[in-house]
Amino acid sequence: MIKIPKNYITNNLLEIMFELPNAVSPMELNVSNDKRTLGIAVQSISLSEKN
């Protein structure tokens, strides 16, 4: 669980950014012909408001 301080939320919005400077394509890794730059696989994310 990651707790996000309220001061990170403005106008009821929370922006989450993932910086992945080492992201590469499967083609660059010689594992397929897929040229898309990929850096993270997200299976699920759950967000909830603490009351």
Protein backbone atom coordinates (compact mmCIF):
# COMPACT_ATOMS: atom_id res chain seq x y z
CA MET A 1 0.00 0.00 0.00
CA ILE A 2 1.22 3.47 -0.88
CA LYS A 3 -0.19 6.38 1.10
CA ILE A 4 -0.41 9.65 -0.85
CA PRO A 5 -0.49 12.88 1.18
CA LYS A 6 -3.55 15.08 0.59
CA ASN A 7 -1.39 18.00 -0.57
CA TYR A 8 -0.58 15.97 -3.72
CA ILE A 9 -4.25 16.12 -4.71
CA THR A 10 -5.41 19.37 -6.32
CA ASN A 11 -8.95 20.11 -7.51
CA ASN A 12 -9.89 16.53 -6.60
CA LEU A 13 -7.35 15.23 -9.13
CA LEU A 14 -4.29 13.10 -8.58
CA GLU A 15 -1.80 12.74 -11.40
CA ILE A 16 0.35 9.64 -11.31
CA MET A 17 3.35 9.49 -13.63
CA PHE A 18 5.69 6.59 -14.23
CA GLU A 19 9.13 7.57 -15.48
CA LEU A 20 10.77 4.62 -17.18
CA PRO A 21 14.09 5.76 -18.63
CA ASN A 22 15.22 2.18 -19.33
CA ALA A 23 12.11 1.15 -21.27
CA VAL A 24 12.89 -0.77 -24.46
CA SER A 25 11.01 -2.57 -27.18
CA PRO A 26 10.83 -6.36 -27.38
CA MET A 27 12.55 -5.97 -30.77
CA GLU A 28 15.54 -4.32 -29.07
CA LEU A 29 15.74 -7.33 -26.77
CA ASN A 30 15.51 -9.70 -29.74
CA VAL A 31 12.46 -11.45 -28.30
CA SER A 32 9.89 -10.44 -30.96
CA ASN A 33 9.23 -8.05 -33.86
CA ASP A 34 7.22 -5.72 -31.59
CA LYS A 35 8.70 -2.20 -32.02
CA ARG A 36 6.65 -0.59 -29.22
CA THR A 37 8.67 0.80 -26.31
CA LEU A 38 7.46 -1.02 -23.22
CA GLY A 39 8.55 -0.44 -19.66
CA ILE A 40 5.92 -1.64 -17.22
CA ALA A 41 3.15 -4.21 -17.04
CA VAL A 42 0.28 -3.29 -14.75
CA GLN A 43 -2.01 -6.13 -13.85
CA SER A 44 -4.25 -4.12 -11.54
CA ILE A 45 -4.46 -0.85 -9.62
CA SER A 46 -6.87 -0.15 -6.82
CA LEU A 47 -7.43 3.36 -5.51
CA SER A 48 -9.59 4.26 -2.57
CA GLU A 49 -10.30 7.32 -0.51
CA LYS A 50 -9.55 7.14 3.18
CA ASN A 51 -12.57 8.30 5.18
